[in-house]
């Protein structure tokens, strides 16, 4: 008789193995993606920290610059020439302000300072024009006219006879 020999093509092991390989590939890809995401996040955090430090440094430099301007304006006479552009009280408040508040307060002071400089420049120009005008109107020494002779009295104050009177 014939021996029992069914042809069984059981591929379950092969299919199970292929799924295991695919699962391992997916897990590896996920791990790589996670690692890349963590690396990108750390890089982004590092650049943000560095950018924040740079911005903080810039803000500190700007604040120090504004403080020095305020110090200069506290010693600069204002429009009236007597009171300073920035009083000591304003200067004390200014040093404790935020950067934005400092910028807002210093802008009008800068405008006043610029106006003072323009006024001084124009005053110097006007003075120079006046000097030039007086020099142009001055008669050179070699062309000076002779002085007029002293005036002769026309009458005799003692009541005497006036010889200059003719009838």
Protein backbone atom coordinates (compact mmCIF):
# COMPACT_ATOMS: atom_id res chain seq x y z
CA UNK A 1 0.00 0.00 0.00
CA UNK A 2 0.85 3.45 -0.15
CA UNK A 3 2.54 5.22 2.70
CA UNK A 4 0.89 8.28 4.13
CA UNK A 5 2.86 11.14 2.73
CA UNK A 6 0.82 14.25 2.45
CA UNK A 7 2.53 17.19 0.92
CA UNK A 8 2.19 19.81 3.47
CA UNK A 9 3.62 23.18 2.67
CA UNK A 10 3.58 24.77 6.06
CA UNK A 11 5.05 28.24 5.65
CA UNK A 12 3.95 29.53 9.02
CA UNK A 13 7.51 29.67 10.36
CA UNK A 14 8.66 31.63 7.34
CA UNK A 15 5.77 34.07 7.64
CA UNK A 16 6.30 34.41 11.39
CA UNK A 17 10.02 35.02 10.85
CA UNK A 18 9.35 37.65 8.17
CA UNK A 19 7.00 39.47 10.52
CA UNK A 20 9.61 39.33 13.26
CA UNK A 21 12.17 40.87 10.88
CA UNK A 22 9.72 43.60 9.81
CA UNK A 23 8.89 44.32 13.45
CA UNK A 24 12.57 44.58 14.28
CA UNK A 25 13.10 46.94 11.33
CA UNK A 26 10.17 49.10 12.45
CA UNK A 27 11.44 49.16 16.02
CA UNK A 28 14.94 50.12 14.84
CA UNK A 29 13.51 52.88 12.64
CA UNK A 30 11.47 54.15 15.60
CA UNK A 31 14.55 54.12 17.83
CA UNK A 32 16.53 56.01 15.16
CA UNK A 33 13.70 58.50 14.76
CA UNK A 34 13.48 58.93 18.52
CA UNK A 35 17.25 59.40 18.75
CA UNK A 36 17.19 61.92 15.90
CA UNK A 37 14.27 63.78 17.53
CA UNK A 38 16.10 63.90 20.86
CA UNK A 39 19.28 65.08 19.13
CA UNK A 40 17.38 67.73 17.19
CA UNK A 41 15.61 68.82 20.37
CA UNK A 42 18.90 69.10 22.25
CA UNK A 43 20.43 71.04 19.38
CA UNK A 44 17.41 73.34 19.25
CA UNK A 45 17.51 73.82 23.02
CA UNK A 46 21.23 74.55 22.86
CA UNK A 47 20.81 77.11 20.10
CA UNK A 48 17.88 78.67 21.98
CA UNK A 49 19.97 78.92 25.13
CA UNK A 50 22.86 80.37 23.16
CA UNK A 51 20.49 82.78 21.40
CA UNK A 52 18.98 83.76 24.74
CA UNK A 53 22.41 84.36 26.19
CA UNK A 54 23.35 86.44 23.16
CA UNK A 55 20.13 88.45 23.42
CA UNK A 56 20.66 88.93 27.16
CA UNK A 57 24.18 90.19 26.44
CA UNK A 58 22.86 92.57 23.79
CA UNK A 59 20.17 93.83 26.17
CA UNK A 60 22.78 94.39 28.89
CA UNK A 61 24.99 96.35 26.49
CA UNK A 62 22.00 98.45 25.37
CA UNK A 63 20.99 99.11 28.96
CA UNK A 64 24.53 100.18 29.88
CA UNK A 65 24.66 102.46 26.84
CA UNK A 66 21.35 104.08 27.83
CA UNK A 67 22.63 104.50 31.40
CA UNK A 68 25.72 106.28 30.09
CA UNK A 69 23.54 108.57 27.95
CA UNK A 70 21.39 109.35 30.97
CA UNK A 71 24.54 110.18 32.95
CA UNK A 72 25.65 112.51 30.18
CA UNK A 73 22.25 114.19 30.02
CA UNK A 74 22.29 114.72 33.80
CA UNK A 75 25.38 116.90 33.30
CA UNK A 76 24.22 118.65 30.10
CA UNK A 77 22.40 121.98 30.50
CA UNK A 78 18.88 121.98 29.06
CA UNK A 79 17.25 124.44 26.68
CA UNK A 80 17.21 127.18 29.34
CA UNK A 81 20.96 126.70 29.87
CA UNK A 82 20.59 126.23 33.63
CA UNK A 83 18.75 123.04 34.56
CA UNK A 84 20.14 119.72 33.30
CA UNK A 85 18.32 117.70 30.67
CA UNK A 86 17.83 114.91 33.23
CA UNK A 87 17.45 115.68 36.91
CA UNK A 88 19.01 113.54 39.63
CA UNK A 89 15.55 112.24 40.57
CA UNK A 90 14.91 111.14 36.96
CA UNK A 91 18.37 109.58 36.84
CA UNK A 92 17.71 107.54 39.99
CA UNK A 93 14.42 106.25 38.58
CA UNK A 94 16.01 105.62 35.19
CA UNK A 95 18.63 103.20 36.53
CA UNK A 96 15.89 100.93 37.93
CA UNK A 97 13.67 100.87 34.82
CA UNK A 98 13.27 98.07 32.32
CA UNK A 99 15.02 98.31 28.97
CA UNK A 100 11.84 99.30 27.13
CA UNK A 101 11.01 101.99 29.67
CA UNK A 102 14.56 103.33 29.46
CA UNK A 103 14.31 103.54 25.68
CA UNK A 104 10.98 105.33 25.95
CA UNK A 105 12.34 107.88 28.40
CA UNK A 106 15.64 108.57 26.63
CA UNK A 107 14.16 109.33 23.19
CA UNK A 108 12.71 112.75 24.15
CA UNK A 109 15.95 113.61 25.94
CA UNK A 110 17.89 112.79 22.77
CA UNK A 111 15.56 115.05 20.76
CA UNK A 112 16.11 117.91 23.23
CA UNK A 113 19.88 117.35 23.12
CA UNK A 114 19.85 117.40 19.31
CA UNK A 115 17.85 120.65 19.38
CA UNK A 116 20.36 122.21 21.77
CA UNK A 117 23.21 121.27 19.44
CA UNK A 118 21.35 122.76 16.46
CA UNK A 119 20.68 125.97 18.38
CA UNK A 120 24.36 126.27 19.34
CA UNK A 121 25.39 125.67 15.73
CA UNK A 122 22.97 128.29 14.42
CA UNK A 123 24.07 130.80 17.07
CA UNK A 124 27.70 130.28 16.03
CA UNK A 125 26.74 130.76 12.37
CA UNK A 126 24.82 133.95 13.13
CA UNK A 127 27.75 135.29 15.15
CA UNK A 128 30.10 134.44 12.30
CA UNK A 129 27.85 136.20 9.78
CA UNK A 130 27.74 139.28 12.02
CA UNK A 131 31.52 139.37 12.31
CA UNK A 132 31.90 138.95 8.57
CA UNK A 133 29.36 141.71 7.93
CA UNK A 134 31.13 144.13 10.28
CA UNK A 135 34.45 143.31 8.64
CA UNK A 136 32.99 143.97 5.19
CA UNK A 137 31.59 147.34 6.30
CA UNK A 138 34.86 148.44 7.91
CA UNK A 139 36.75 151.05 5.94
CA UNK A 140 40.40 150.06 5.39
CA UNK A 141 42.95 152.09 7.35
CA UNK A 142 44.49 153.66 4.25
CA UNK A 143 41.03 154.92 3.16
CA UNK A 144 39.91 156.49 6.44
CA UNK A 145 38.40 159.96 5.93
CA UNK A 146 39.96 162.93 7.72
CA UNK A 147 38.15 163.85 10.88
CA UNK A 148 35.74 166.76 10.55
CA UNK A 149 37.03 170.02 12.01
CA UNK A 150 35.64 171.05 15.35
CA UNK A 151 32.47 173.11 15.06
CA UNK A 152 32.87 176.89 15.51
CA UNK A 153 30.38 178.63 17.79
CA UNK A 154 27.87 180.69 15.83
CA UNK A 155 26.98 183.21 18.44
CA UNK A 156 28.60 185.16 21.23
CA UNK A 157 27.27 183.75 24.49
CA UNK A 158 28.33 186.85 26.40
CA UNK A 159 25.87 189.02 24.46
CA UNK A 160 28.49 190.64 22.33
CA UNK A 161 28.33 191.41 18.66
CA UNK A 162 28.00 188.52 16.30
CA UNK A 163 30.36 189.11 13.42
CA UNK A 164 28.92 186.30 11.35
CA UNK A 165 25.55 187.97 11.11
CA UNK A 166 25.14 189.97 7.95
CA UNK A 167 22.07 192.10 6.98
